[in-house]
């Protein structure tokens, strides 16, 4: 490894400093709950643009797909499925059509319980799943397949309807967005009934049945979250908090007006190097893109939406980038 800067790049774009790394692509991956599909677009796609690939069909094992993560180191796509039986299915990154997964994590030993968000850890060879009904965060070996138990499981009062999560490998932490109006941060190796390192909650935060999605902007050193009802007008919003913030603190910035294009925002993704945030809207069947240092009544810089997109109750997004394609080989 090449220090914190290199690790930050790995977290954001899935890179490892090895000759076998997959070449990153400028792509946007979206999980669609109602159509049991994953649609993939050019990263800068806008308007009524068709996907460049669609993963869908009975053979895929997709069932109300939710959290999604891309592992560029191993050239794989990981998808959480929140219909019974709960599962995590893994595919080749470029999988398209009605293809079977490479691996399927499923069964009682997994303790998956209404799973939502997922994050992949290419440094330690693991992936992490947050379980909304189980009030838990479970960590598995990257190659886990079948009915296997997690390596570690956080089950603590620091979780309240957990929905989204993000890994911060620079600081060895896991941050969880709980739609019980709580953002909680744990040590990555936390296991069992351990208390969070810090939490953000209270009337000043603006959380209202949120946060739901969470991403780390490691350039500005901020958490980015979505919440369904913000402010006196109860508009869906994107909020920014300092990474080390704790307690009943107000957001540093907020986008939460009708012109923002937010409608049922769910699990978001951040492209830290380009300063962009990608938000899927489950009720509007859109993905909107906003930039880092904006606030208030701001329109998105791009909106992906329309019948050609095949977006159908989009839940989570993942973004890959070739920005570092020449710097980590």
C-alpha atoms as a PDB file:
ATOM      1  CA  UNK A   1       0.000   0.000   0.000  1.00  0.00           C
ATOM      2  CA  UNK A   2       1.027   3.606  -0.502  1.00  0.00           C
ATOM      3  CA  UNK A   3      -0.323   5.281   2.633  1.00  0.00           C
ATOM      4  CA  UNK A   4      -3.600   7.075   3.404  1.00  0.00           C
ATOM      5  CA  UNK A   5      -3.905   8.756   0.008  1.00  0.00           C
ATOM      6  CA  UNK A   6      -3.676   5.416  -1.780  1.00  0.00           C
ATOM      7  CA  UNK A   7      -6.149   3.821   0.608  1.00  0.00           C
ATOM      8  CA  UNK A   8      -8.583   6.685   0.036  1.00  0.00           C
ATOM      9  CA  UNK A   9      -8.413   5.973  -3.666  1.00  0.00           C
ATOM     10  CA  UNK A  10      -9.086   2.292  -3.008  1.00  0.00           C
ATOM     11  CA  UNK A  11     -12.185   3.068  -0.967  1.00  0.00           C
ATOM     12  CA  UNK A  12     -13.570   5.500  -3.517  1.00  0.00           C
ATOM     13  CA  UNK A  13     -12.809   3.574  -6.677  1.00  0.00           C
ATOM     14  CA  UNK A  14     -12.016  -0.024  -5.715  1.00  0.00           C
ATOM     15  CA  UNK A  15      -8.314   0.048  -6.600  1.00  0.00           C
ATOM     16  CA  UNK A  16      -5.440  -1.960  -5.242  1.00  0.00           C
ATOM     17  CA  UNK A  17      -1.796  -1.340  -6.044  1.00  0.00           C
ATOM     18  CA  UNK A  18      -1.267  -4.613  -7.916  1.00  0.00           C
ATOM     19  CA  UNK A  19      -0.752  -5.697 -11.491  1.00  0.00           C
ATOM     20  CA  UNK A  20      -3.983  -7.704 -11.474  1.00  0.00           C
ATOM     21  CA  UNK A  21      -6.267  -4.732 -10.805  1.00  0.00           C
ATOM     22  CA  UNK A  22      -9.219  -4.354 -13.133  1.00  0.00           C
ATOM     23  CA  UNK A  23      -9.256  -1.208 -15.214  1.00  0.00           C
ATOM     24  CA  UNK A  24     -11.837   1.111 -13.714  1.00  0.00           C
ATOM     25  CA  UNK A  25     -14.721   2.214 -15.886  1.00  0.00           C
ATOM     26  CA  UNK A  26     -16.734   5.452 -15.723  1.00  0.00           C
ATOM     27  CA  UNK A  27     -19.996   3.735 -14.894  1.00  0.00           C
ATOM     28  CA  UNK A  28     -23.076   4.148 -12.736  1.00  0.00           C
ATOM     29  CA  UNK A  29     -24.713   1.005 -11.288  1.00  0.00           C
ATOM     30  CA  UNK A  30     -28.319   1.120  -9.992  1.00  0.00           C
ATOM     31  CA  UNK A  31     -30.368  -1.545  -8.181  1.00  0.00           C
ATOM     32  CA  UNK A  32     -34.067  -1.550  -9.151  1.00  0.00           C
ATOM     33  CA  UNK A  33     -36.325  -3.183  -6.579  1.00  0.00           C
ATOM     34  CA  UNK A  34     -39.540  -3.432  -8.598  1.00  0.00           C
ATOM     35  CA  UNK A  35     -37.981  -4.957 -11.729  1.00  0.00           C
ATOM     36  CA  UNK A  36     -35.443  -7.204  -9.938  1.00  0.00           C
ATOM     37  CA  UNK A  37     -32.658  -5.724 -12.022  1.00  0.00           C
ATOM     38  CA  UNK A  38     -29.366  -3.889 -11.979  1.00  0.00           C
ATOM     39  CA  UNK A  39     -29.014  -1.263 -14.695  1.00  0.00           C
ATOM     40  CA  UNK A  40     -25.640   0.176 -15.671  1.00  0.00           C
ATOM     41  CA  UNK A  41     -25.041   3.533 -17.394  1.00  0.00           C
ATOM     42  CA  UNK A  42     -22.176   5.726 -18.443  1.00  0.00           C
ATOM     43  CA  UNK A  43     -21.218   7.739 -15.355  1.00  0.00           C
ATOM     44  CA  UNK A  44     -22.241  11.006 -17.016  1.00  0.00           C
ATOM     45  CA  UNK A  45     -25.527   9.671 -18.430  1.00  0.00           C
ATOM     46  CA  UNK A  46     -28.324  12.215 -18.314  1.00  0.00           C
ATOM     47  CA  UNK A  47     -31.914  12.532 -19.445  1.00  0.00           C
ATOM     48  CA  UNK A  48     -33.784   9.586 -20.926  1.00  0.00           C
ATOM     49  CA  UNK A  49     -30.657   7.524 -21.594  1.00  0.00           C
ATOM     50  CA  UNK A  50     -30.811   3.750 -22.003  1.00  0.00           C
ATOM     51  CA  UNK A  51     -28.547   1.553 -19.880  1.00  0.00           C
ATOM     52  CA  UNK A  52     -25.427   0.091 -21.440  1.00  0.00           C
ATOM     53  CA  UNK A  53     -26.063  -3.204 -19.586  1.00  0.00           C
ATOM     54  CA  UNK A  54     -29.020  -4.750 -17.751  1.00  0.00           C
ATOM     55  CA  UNK A  55     -28.670  -7.649 -15.328  1.00  0.00           C
ATOM     56  CA  UNK A  56     -32.102  -9.268 -14.920  1.00  0.00           C
ATOM     57  CA  UNK A  57     -33.941 -12.595 -15.158  1.00  0.00           C
ATOM     58  CA  UNK A  58     -34.756 -15.645 -13.069  1.00  0.00           C
ATOM     59  CA  UNK A  59     -31.257 -17.083 -13.295  1.00  0.00           C
ATOM     60  CA  UNK A  60     -29.709 -13.996 -11.644  1.00  0.00           C
ATOM     61  CA  UNK A  61     -31.249 -14.682  -8.234  1.00  0.00           C
ATOM     62  CA  UNK A  62     -32.097 -10.996  -7.863  1.00  0.00           C
ATOM     63  CA  UNK A  63     -35.070 -10.408  -5.567  1.00  0.00           C
ATOM     64  CA  UNK A  64     -35.964  -6.844  -4.586  1.00  0.00           C
ATOM     65  CA  UNK A  65     -32.302  -5.809  -4.914  1.00  0.00           C
ATOM     66  CA  UNK A  66     -31.185  -3.151  -2.474  1.00  0.00           C
ATOM     67  CA  UNK A  67     -27.569  -2.396  -1.582  1.00  0.00           C
ATOM     68  CA  UNK A  68     -24.979  -2.619  -4.340  1.00  0.00           C
ATOM     69  CA  UNK A  69     -21.182  -2.479  -4.385  1.00  0.00           C
ATOM     70  CA  UNK A  70     -18.507  -2.805  -7.075  1.00  0.00           C
ATOM     71  CA  UNK A  71     -15.180  -4.491  -6.381  1.00  0.00           C
ATOM     72  CA  UNK A  72     -12.827  -3.366  -9.149  1.00  0.00           C
ATOM     73  CA  UNK A  73      -9.910  -5.237  -7.609  1.00  0.00           C
ATOM     74  CA  UNK A  74     -11.619  -8.572  -8.234  1.00  0.00           C
ATOM     75  CA  UNK A  75     -13.829  -7.275 -11.059  1.00  0.00           C
ATOM     76  CA  UNK A  76     -17.051  -8.195  -9.271  1.00  0.00           C
ATOM     77  CA  UNK A  77     -20.484  -6.767  -8.531  1.00  0.00           C
ATOM     78  CA  UNK A  78     -22.161  -7.480  -5.167  1.00  0.00           C
ATOM     79  CA  UNK A  79     -25.927  -7.089  -4.677  1.00  0.00           C
ATOM     80  CA  UNK A  80     -28.070  -7.392  -1.541  1.00  0.00           C
ATOM     81  CA  UNK A  81     -31.516  -8.969  -2.053  1.00  0.00           C
ATOM     82  CA  UNK A  82     -34.194  -8.081   0.478  1.00  0.00           C
ATOM     83  CA  UNK A  83     -36.861 -10.557  -0.606  1.00  0.00           C
ATOM     84  CA  UNK A  84     -36.954 -13.931   1.121  1.00  0.00           C
ATOM     85  CA  UNK A  85     -34.720 -15.819   1.348  1.00  0.00           C
ATOM     86  CA  UNK A  86     -32.407 -12.881   2.084  1.00  0.00           C
ATOM     87  CA  UNK A  87     -29.176 -13.123   0.135  1.00  0.00           C
ATOM     88  CA  UNK A  88     -26.101 -11.448  -1.299  1.00  0.00           C
ATOM     89  CA  UNK A  89     -25.421 -12.380  -4.912  1.00  0.00           C
ATOM     90  CA  UNK A  90     -22.067 -11.812  -6.619  1.00  0.00           C
ATOM     91  CA  UNK A  91     -21.472 -11.445 -10.371  1.00  0.00           C
ATOM     92  CA  UNK A  92     -18.735 -10.535 -12.768  1.00  0.00           C
ATOM     93  CA  UNK A  93     -18.631  -6.731 -12.908  1.00  0.00           C
ATOM     94  CA  UNK A  94     -19.653  -6.709 -16.574  1.00  0.00           C
ATOM     95  CA  UNK A  95     -22.395  -9.344 -16.202  1.00  0.00           C
ATOM     96  CA  UNK A  96     -25.403  -8.673 -18.395  1.00  0.00           C
ATOM     97  CA  UNK A  97     -28.656 -10.427 -19.198  1.00  0.00           C
ATOM     98  CA  UNK A  98     -30.067 -13.463 -17.426  1.00  0.00           C
ATOM     99  CA  UNK A  99     -26.862 -14.908 -15.952  1.00  0.00           C
ATOM    100  CA  UNK A 100     -26.395 -16.846 -12.738  1.00  0.00           C
ATOM    101  CA  UNK A 101     -24.321 -15.380  -9.897  1.00  0.00           C
ATOM    102  CA  UNK A 102     -20.762 -16.517  -9.277  1.00  0.00           C
ATOM    103  CA  UNK A 103     -21.607 -16.937  -5.580  1.00  0.00           C
ATOM    104  CA  UNK A 104     -24.715 -16.623  -3.401  1.00  0.00           C
ATOM    105  CA  UNK A 105     -24.608 -15.996   0.338  1.00  0.00           C
ATOM    106  CA  UNK A 106     -27.904 -17.311   1.732  1.00  0.00           C
ATOM    107  CA  UNK A 107     -29.198 -19.355   4.671  1.00  0.00           C
ATOM    108  CA  UNK A 108     -29.922 -19.193   8.380  1.00  0.00           C
ATOM    109  CA  UNK A 109     -26.270 -19.134   9.449  1.00  0.00           C
ATOM    110  CA  UNK A 110     -25.748 -15.834   7.611  1.00  0.00           C
ATOM    111  CA  UNK A 111     -28.172 -14.047  10.016  1.00  0.00           C
ATOM    112  CA  UNK A 112     -29.157 -11.731   7.154  1.00  0.00           C
ATOM    113  CA  UNK A 113     -32.359 -10.018   8.276  1.00  0.00           C
ATOM    114  CA  UNK A 114     -33.958  -7.509   5.895  1.00  0.00           C
ATOM    115  CA  UNK A 115     -30.499  -6.531   4.588  1.00  0.00           C
ATOM    116  CA  UNK A 116     -30.109  -3.112   2.962  1.00  0.00           C
ATOM    117  CA  UNK A 117     -26.710  -1.471   2.450  1.00  0.00           C
ATOM    118  CA  UNK A 118     -23.453  -3.207   1.549  1.00  0.00           C
ATOM    119  CA  UNK A 119     -19.819  -2.119   1.337  1.00  0.00           C
ATOM    120  CA  UNK A 120     -16.869  -4.039  -0.055  1.00  0.00           C
ATOM    121  CA  UNK A 121     -13.417  -3.998   1.566  1.00  0.00           C
ATOM    122  CA  UNK A 122     -10.806  -4.925  -1.054  1.00  0.00           C
ATOM    123  CA  UNK A 123      -7.947  -4.285   1.380  1.00  0.00           C
ATOM    124  CA  UNK A 124      -8.951  -6.927   3.932  1.00  0.00           C
ATOM    125  CA  UNK A 125     -10.869  -9.232   1.595  1.00  0.00           C
ATOM    126  CA  UNK A 126     -14.276  -8.690   3.217  1.00  0.00           C
ATOM    127  CA  UNK A 127     -17.718  -7.222   2.629  1.00  0.00           C
ATOM    128  CA  UNK A 128     -20.091  -5.710   5.170  1.00  0.00           C
ATOM    129  CA  UNK A 129     -23.919  -5.801   5.200  1.00  0.00           C
ATOM    130  CA  UNK A 130     -26.330  -3.772   7.316  1.00  0.00           C
ATOM    131  CA  UNK A 131     -29.528  -5.546   8.439  1.00  0.00           C
ATOM    132  CA  UNK A 132     -32.493  -3.252   9.058  1.00  0.00           C
ATOM    133  CA  UNK A 133     -34.777  -5.702  10.874  1.00  0.00           C
ATOM    134  CA  UNK A 134     -31.875  -7.416  12.607  1.00  0.00           C
ATOM    135  CA  UNK A 135     -30.440  -4.146  13.982  1.00  0.00           C
ATOM    136  CA  UNK A 136     -27.038  -5.514  13.041  1.00  0.00           C
ATOM    137  CA  UNK A 137     -23.954  -5.071  10.870  1.00  0.00           C
ATOM    138  CA  UNK A 138     -22.466  -8.338   9.626  1.00  0.00           C
ATOM    139  CA  UNK A 139     -19.035  -8.838   8.047  1.00  0.00           C
ATOM    140  CA  UNK A 140     -18.202 -11.765   5.730  1.00  0.00           C
ATOM    141  CA  UNK A 141     -15.163 -13.027   3.882  1.00  0.00           C
ATOM    142  CA  UNK A 142     -15.205 -11.692   0.323  1.00  0.00           C
ATOM    143  CA  UNK A 143     -15.494 -15.207  -1.118  1.00  0.00           C
ATOM    144  CA  UNK A 144     -18.240 -16.328   1.297  1.00  0.00           C
ATOM    145  CA  UNK A 145     -20.661 -18.637  -0.504  1.00  0.00           C
ATOM    146  CA  UNK A 146     -23.712 -20.561   0.629  1.00  0.00           C
ATOM    147  CA  UNK A 147     -24.942 -20.836   4.214  1.00  0.00           C
ATOM    148  CA  UNK A 148     -21.981 -19.455   6.166  1.00  0.00           C
ATOM    149  CA  UNK A 149     -21.814 -17.419   9.357  1.00  0.00           C
ATOM    150  CA  UNK A 150     -20.395 -13.889   9.449  1.00  0.00           C
ATOM    151  CA  UNK A 151     -16.840 -13.271  10.603  1.00  0.00           C
ATOM    152  CA  UNK A 152     -18.093 -10.492  12.885  1.00  0.00           C
ATOM    153  CA  UNK A 153     -21.486  -9.097  13.861  1.00  0.00           C
ATOM    154  CA  UNK A 154     -22.276  -5.763  15.506  1.00  0.00           C
ATOM    155  CA  UNK A 155     -25.512  -6.030  17.511  1.00  0.00           C
ATOM    156  CA  UNK A 156     -25.794  -2.985  19.711  1.00  0.00           C
ATOM    157  CA  UNK A 157     -28.003  -0.167  20.939  1.00  0.00           C
ATOM    158  CA  UNK A 158     -25.989   2.093  18.621  1.00  0.00           C
ATOM    159  CA  UNK A 159     -28.145   0.803  15.746  1.00  0.00           C
ATOM    160  CA  UNK A 160     -31.753   1.860  15.094  1.00  0.00           C
ATOM    161  CA  UNK A 161     -33.342   0.619  11.861  1.00  0.00           C
ATOM    162  CA  UNK A 162     -29.951   0.672  10.100  1.00  0.00           C
ATOM    163  CA  UNK A 163     -30.225   1.238   6.359  1.00  0.00           C
ATOM    164  CA  UNK A 164     -26.994   2.392   4.712  1.00  0.00           C
ATOM    165  CA  UNK A 165     -23.331   2.072   5.599  1.00  0.00           C
ATOM    166  CA  UNK A 166     -19.920   3.127   4.389  1.00  0.00           C
ATOM    167  CA  UNK A 167     -16.404   1.885   5.132  1.00  0.00           C
ATOM    168  CA  UNK A 168     -13.652   4.363   5.972  1.00  0.00           C
ATOM    169  CA  UNK A 169     -10.489   2.290   5.618  1.00  0.00           C
ATOM    170  CA  UNK A 170      -8.212   5.263   6.256  1.00  0.00           C
ATOM    171  CA  UNK A 171      -9.534   5.609   9.808  1.00  0.00           C
ATOM    172  CA  UNK A 172     -10.598   1.945  10.156  1.00  0.00           C
ATOM    173  CA  UNK A 173     -14.232   2.817  10.795  1.00  0.00           C
ATOM    174  CA  UNK A 174     -17.742   1.829   9.715  1.00  0.00           C
ATOM    175  CA  UNK A 175     -20.415   4.544   9.567  1.00  0.00           C
ATOM    176  CA  UNK A 176     -24.080   3.518   9.611  1.00  0.00           C
ATOM    177  CA  UNK A 177     -27.113   5.557   8.570  1.00  0.00           C
ATOM    178  CA  UNK A 178     -30.062   4.564  10.775  1.00  0.00           C
ATOM    179  CA  UNK A 179     -33.519   5.723   9.795  1.00  0.00           C
ATOM    180  CA  UNK A 180     -34.239   5.859  13.506  1.00  0.00           C
ATOM    181  CA  UNK A 181     -32.703   9.374  13.319  1.00  0.00           C
ATOM    182  CA  UNK A 182     -29.163   8.309  14.142  1.00  0.00           C
ATOM    183  CA  UNK A 183     -25.772   8.237  12.426  1.00  0.00           C
ATOM    184  CA  UNK A 184     -23.404   5.906  14.278  1.00  0.00           C
ATOM    185  CA  UNK A 185     -19.702   5.245  13.758  1.00  0.00           C
ATOM    186  CA  UNK A 186     -17.952   2.061  14.917  1.00  0.00           C
ATOM    187  CA  UNK A 187     -14.467   0.608  14.820  1.00  0.00           C
ATOM    188  CA  UNK A 188     -14.212  -1.564  11.704  1.00  0.00           C
ATOM    189  CA  UNK A 189     -13.272  -4.598  13.792  1.00  0.00           C
ATOM    190  CA  UNK A 190     -16.079  -4.063  16.290  1.00  0.00           C
ATOM    191  CA  UNK A 191     -17.879  -7.280  17.186  1.00  0.00           C
ATOM    192  CA  UNK A 192     -20.841  -7.989  19.434  1.00  0.00           C
ATOM    193  CA  UNK A 193     -22.392  -5.493  21.846  1.00  0.00           C
ATOM    194  CA  UNK A 194     -19.861  -2.689  21.467  1.00  0.00           C
ATOM    195  CA  UNK A 195     -20.748   0.978  21.750  1.00  0.00           C
ATOM    196  CA  UNK A 196     -20.258   3.312  18.802  1.00  0.00           C
ATOM    197  CA  UNK A 197     -17.184   5.532  18.792  1.00  0.00           C
ATOM    198  CA  UNK A 198     -19.464   8.529  18.201  1.00  0.00           C
ATOM    199  CA  UNK A 199     -23.005   9.291  17.102  1.00  0.00           C
ATOM    200  CA  UNK A 200     -24.877  12.155  15.469  1.00  0.00           C
ATOM    201  CA  UNK A 201     -28.474  12.550  16.639  1.00  0.00           C
ATOM    202  CA  UNK A 202     -30.905  15.083  18.030  1.00  0.00           C
ATOM    203  CA  UNK A 203     -33.177  17.933  17.000  1.00  0.00           C
ATOM    204  CA  UNK A 204     -30.423  20.016  15.386  1.00  0.00           C
ATOM    205  CA  UNK A 205     -29.416  17.331  12.888  1.00  0.00           C
ATOM    206  CA  UNK A 206     -32.495  17.631  10.664  1.00  0.00           C
ATOM    207  CA  UNK A 207     -32.935  13.845  10.606  1.00  0.00           C
ATOM    208  CA  UNK A 208     -36.581  12.898  10.191  1.00  0.00           C
ATOM    209  CA  UNK A 209     -37.041   9.185   9.506  1.00  0.00           C
ATOM    210  CA  UNK A 210     -33.444   9.343   8.414  1.00  0.00           C
ATOM    211  CA  UNK A 211     -30.667   9.198   7.583  1.00  0.00           C
ATOM    212  CA  UNK A 212     -31.093   6.448   4.989  1.00  0.00           C
ATOM    213  CA  UNK A 213     -28.181   6.603   2.559  1.00  0.00           C
ATOM    214  CA  UNK A 214     -24.626   7.499   3.523  1.00  0.00           C
ATOM    215  CA  UNK A 215     -21.388   8.134   1.639  1.00  0.00           C
ATOM    216  CA  UNK A 216     -17.949   9.446   2.568  1.00  0.00           C
ATOM    217  CA  UNK A 217     -16.455  12.402   0.745  1.00  0.00           C
ATOM    218  CA  UNK A 218     -12.856  11.802   1.728  1.00  0.00           C
ATOM    219  CA  UNK A 219     -11.608  14.945  -0.023  1.00  0.00           C
ATOM    220  CA  UNK A 220     -13.732  17.312   2.065  1.00  0.00           C
ATOM    221  CA  UNK A 221     -13.671  14.842   5.020  1.00  0.00           C
ATOM    222  CA  UNK A 222     -17.458  14.782   5.315  1.00  0.00           C
ATOM    223  CA  UNK A 223     -20.328  12.321   5.617  1.00  0.00           C
ATOM    224  CA  UNK A 224     -23.058  12.809   3.028  1.00  0.00           C
ATOM    225  CA  UNK A 225     -26.500  11.453   3.925  1.00  0.00           C
ATOM    226  CA  UNK A 226     -30.071  11.426   2.644  1.00  0.00           C
ATOM    227  CA  UNK A 227     -33.133  11.976   4.817  1.00  0.00           C
ATOM    228  CA  UNK A 228     -36.809  11.774   3.762  1.00  0.00           C
ATOM    229  CA  UNK A 229     -38.247  14.821   5.584  1.00  0.00           C
ATOM    230  CA  UNK A 230     -36.112  17.871   6.343  1.00  0.00           C
ATOM    231  CA  UNK A 231     -36.894  21.290   7.732  1.00  0.00           C
ATOM    232  CA  UNK A 232     -40.265  22.972   8.222  1.00  0.00           C
ATOM    233  CA  UNK A 233     -41.386  22.089   4.697  1.00  0.00           C
ATOM    234  CA  UNK A 234     -40.548  18.392   5.289  1.00  0.00           C
ATOM    235  CA  UNK A 235     -38.713  18.065   1.978  1.00  0.00           C
ATOM    236  CA  UNK A 236     -36.360  15.160   1.205  1.00  0.00           C
ATOM    237  CA  UNK A 237     -32.803  16.346   1.580  1.00  0.00           C
ATOM    238  CA  UNK A 238     -29.077  15.711   1.219  1.00  0.00           C
ATOM    239  CA  UNK A 239     -27.096  16.702   4.313  1.00  0.00           C
ATOM    240  CA  UNK A 240     -23.360  17.092   4.933  1.00  0.00           C
ATOM    241  CA  UNK A 241     -21.642  16.589   8.315  1.00  0.00           C
ATOM    242  CA  UNK A 242     -17.998  16.697   9.331  1.00  0.00           C
ATOM    243  CA  UNK A 243     -16.552  13.195   9.530  1.00  0.00           C
ATOM    244  CA  UNK A 244     -15.603  13.610  13.190  1.00  0.00           C
ATOM    245  CA  UNK A 245     -18.842  15.392  14.193  1.00  0.00           C
ATOM    246  CA  UNK A 246     -20.617  14.035  17.244  1.00  0.00           C
ATOM    247  CA  UNK A 247     -23.734  14.782  19.241  1.00  0.00           C
ATOM    248  CA  UNK A 248     -26.684  17.030  18.427  1.00  0.00           C
ATOM    249  CA  UNK A 249     -25.042  19.029  15.630  1.00  0.00           C
ATOM    250  CA  UNK A 250     -26.525  20.819  12.636  1.00  0.00           C
ATOM    251  CA  UNK A 251     -25.626  19.897   9.077  1.00  0.00           C
ATOM    252  CA  UNK A 252     -22.842  21.925   7.487  1.00  0.00           C
ATOM    253  CA  UNK A 253     -24.913  22.210   4.308  1.00  0.00           C
ATOM    254  CA  UNK A 254     -28.274  20.969   3.100  1.00  0.00           C
ATOM    255  CA  UNK A 255     -30.107  20.621  -0.208  1.00  0.00           C
ATOM    256  CA  UNK A 256     -33.808  20.191   0.433  1.00  0.00           C
ATOM    257  CA  UNK A 257     -36.212  22.066  -1.828  1.00  0.00           C
ATOM    258  CA  UNK A 258     -38.511  20.935  -4.671  1.00  0.00           C
ATOM    259  CA  UNK A 259     -36.057  22.120  -7.349  1.00  0.00           C
ATOM    260  CA  UNK A 260     -33.420  19.691  -6.009  1.00  0.00           C
ATOM    261  CA  UNK A 261     -35.031  16.755  -7.820  1.00  0.00           C
ATOM    262  CA  UNK A 262     -35.207  14.649  -4.662  1.00  0.00           C
ATOM    263  CA  UNK A 263     -38.210  12.349  -4.263  1.00  0.00           C
ATOM    264  CA  UNK A 264     -37.839   9.332  -2.011  1.00  0.00           C
ATOM    265  CA  UNK A 265     -34.006   9.475  -1.907  1.00  0.00           C
ATOM    266  CA  UNK A 266     -32.333   6.254  -0.900  1.00  0.00           C
ATOM    267  CA  UNK A 267     -28.738   4.952  -0.810  1.00  0.00           C
ATOM    268  CA  UNK A 268     -26.372   7.476  -2.384  1.00  0.00           C
ATOM    269  CA  UNK A 269     -22.803   7.390  -3.711  1.00  0.00           C
ATOM    270  CA  UNK A 270     -20.057  10.006  -3.736  1.00  0.00           C
ATOM    271  CA  UNK A 271     -17.354  10.600  -6.339  1.00  0.00           C
ATOM    272  CA  UNK A 272     -14.959  12.445  -4.050  1.00  0.00           C
ATOM    273  CA  UNK A 273     -12.406  13.393  -6.682  1.00  0.00           C
ATOM    274  CA  UNK A 274     -15.011  15.020  -8.909  1.00  0.00           C
ATOM    275  CA  UNK A 275     -16.998  16.426  -6.003  1.00  0.00           C
ATOM    276  CA  UNK A 276     -20.262  14.813  -7.103  1.00  0.00           C
ATOM    277  CA  UNK A 277     -23.050  13.019  -5.209  1.00  0.00           C
ATOM    278  CA  UNK A 278     -25.379  10.527  -6.941  1.00  0.00           C
ATOM    279  CA  UNK A 279     -28.832  10.011  -5.398  1.00  0.00           C
ATOM    280  CA  UNK A 280     -31.438   7.449  -6.539  1.00  0.00           C
ATOM    281  CA  UNK A 281     -35.058   8.523  -6.045  1.00  0.00           C
ATOM    282  CA  UNK A 282     -37.310   5.546  -5.442  1.00  0.00           C
ATOM    283  CA  UNK A 283     -40.608   7.373  -5.979  1.00  0.00           C
ATOM    284  CA  UNK A 284     -39.537   9.463  -8.992  1.00  0.00           C
ATOM    285  CA  UNK A 285     -37.578   6.700 -10.776  1.00  0.00           C
ATOM    286  CA  UNK A 286     -34.637   9.030 -11.283  1.00  0.00           C
ATOM    287  CA  UNK A 287     -30.995   9.446 -10.304  1.00  0.00           C
ATOM    288  CA  UNK A 288     -29.921  13.036  -9.640  1.00  0.00           C
ATOM    289  CA  UNK A 289     -26.375  14.353  -9.381  1.00  0.00           C
ATOM    290  CA  UNK A 290     -25.419  17.275  -7.134  1.00  0.00           C
ATOM    291  CA  UNK A 291     -22.069  18.867  -6.422  1.00  0.00           C
ATOM    292  CA  UNK A 292     -20.223  19.129  -3.131  1.00  0.00           C
ATOM    293  CA  UNK A 293     -20.298  22.761  -1.991  1.00  0.00           C
ATOM    294  CA  UNK A 294     -23.894  23.718  -2.741  1.00  0.00           C
ATOM    295  CA  UNK A 295     -26.796  24.359  -0.421  1.00  0.00           C
ATOM    296  CA  UNK A 296     -30.428  25.378  -0.414  1.00  0.00           C
ATOM    297  CA  UNK A 297     -32.558  25.676  -3.539  1.00  0.00           C
ATOM    298  CA  UNK A 298     -30.211  24.069  -6.051  1.00  0.00           C
ATOM    299  CA  UNK A 299     -31.149  22.103  -9.155  1.00  0.00           C
ATOM    300  CA  UNK A 300     -29.161  18.951  -9.958  1.00  0.00           C
ATOM    301  CA  UNK A 301     -26.327  19.183 -12.461  1.00  0.00           C
ATOM    302  CA  UNK A 302     -27.683  16.039 -14.151  1.00  0.00           C
ATOM    303  CA  UNK A 303     -30.880  14.008 -13.931  1.00  0.00           C
ATOM    304  CA  UNK A 304     -31.216  10.488 -15.284  1.00  0.00           C
ATOM    305  CA  UNK A 305     -34.860   9.570 -15.806  1.00  0.00           C
ATOM    306  CA  UNK A 306     -37.425   8.444 -18.359  1.00  0.00           C
ATOM    307  CA  UNK A 307     -38.825   5.249 -19.840  1.00  0.00           C
ATOM    308  CA  UNK A 308     -35.620   4.384 -21.709  1.00  0.00           C
ATOM    309  CA  UNK A 309     -33.589   4.293 -18.474  1.00  0.00           C
ATOM    310  CA  UNK A 310     -35.563   1.281 -17.159  1.00  0.00           C
ATOM    311  CA  UNK A 311     -35.260   2.721 -13.636  1.00  0.00           C
ATOM    312  CA  UNK A 312     -37.941   1.073 -11.499  1.00  0.00           C
ATOM    313  CA  UNK A 313     -37.947   1.943  -7.800  1.00  0.00           C
ATOM    314  CA  UNK A 314     -34.168   2.517  -7.689  1.00  0.00           C
ATOM    315  CA  UNK A 315     -32.685   1.775  -4.277  1.00  0.00           C
ATOM    316  CA  UNK A 316     -28.908   2.147  -4.167  1.00  0.00           C
ATOM    317  CA  UNK A 317     -26.208   3.280  -6.582  1.00  0.00           C
ATOM    318  CA  UNK A 318     -22.499   2.652  -7.043  1.00  0.00           C
ATOM    319  CA  UNK A 319     -20.086   4.727  -9.132  1.00  0.00           C
ATOM    320  CA  UNK A 320     -16.795   3.635 -10.660  1.00  0.00           C
ATOM    321  CA  UNK A 321     -14.242   5.939 -12.187  1.00  0.00           C
ATOM    322  CA  UNK A 322     -11.129   5.725 -14.347  1.00  0.00           C
ATOM    323  CA  UNK A 323      -9.757   8.926 -12.828  1.00  0.00           C
ATOM    324  CA  UNK A 324      -6.846   7.012 -11.271  1.00  0.00           C
ATOM    325  CA  UNK A 325      -6.388   4.541 -14.131  1.00  0.00           C
ATOM    326  CA  UNK A 326      -2.783   5.691 -14.718  1.00  0.00           C
ATOM    327  CA  UNK A 327      -1.844   6.223 -11.103  1.00  0.00           C
ATOM    328  CA  UNK A 328      -2.243   2.843  -9.440  1.00  0.00           C
ATOM    329  CA  UNK A 329      -0.950   0.298 -11.912  1.00  0.00           C
END
